[in-house]
Amino acid sequence: MRIVKRMGLVLVAICACSALAAMTASAHEFEASKTGLLLAKADGVQVFNFKDGTVECKKLTGHGFITTLKPKTQTATVSYTECSTAIGTVSEPINAEYEFSAENTVKILKTIKIGISFIGECNVTIPPQGPLDKVTYDNNTSAGDILLLAHVLSIKSSATGSICENYTNDTTGLYIGKALVQLDGGTIKWV
């Protein structure tokens, strides 16, 4: 009977180790041909949706630095311009710093501020937070770059100002956008 119990424990241990190895093997990462400058630009309109409205930006530019050939995360500084909203004008640029994970999440590393002016003003603040779901990556193998597709849910924000006085802490923010990410003088892909 003891032998049967021991064999059962050995089988459980083998299965657990196999499952752990499979999980490790399925972990994603970015793969770069060299270290260097990453550049990003919008592929379509970028949309921030908050409790009291929507901000759309036609342009996104960004940059980051590849410091290792197989990073699991990548930090990028991004600026949004040519932004508009139905209720007024948007102060530009909107600046952000993100950490993108190869495991399809993103962290907001620094506070994002969005100023909206009309008959009054509304200042939306998005604090550092994350990881947030979901970012996906599509390899553009012919060009050696990545199309980043963001559909990020549950973004926390707050606002102050005369035209958003009823806006308290919100946890239902949404960001939708696409960006083309290129490695200057090299290739990058998601694996």
Foldseek 3Di string as FASTA:
>chain_A
DVVVVVVVVVVVVVVVVVVVVVVVVPQKWKAWPDKFKKKKKFDAWKWKADPVWIKIFGIKIKMFIGPDGTGQKTKMKMWTDPMDTPAARKDDTFIWIWIAGLVFFIWTDAKTWIWGDDVKIKIKIFGTDDRWDGKHWDAPPVQQWIKIWGWTFQGWMFMDMDVPPVTGIDRGMTITGIMIMAGVPIHMDMD
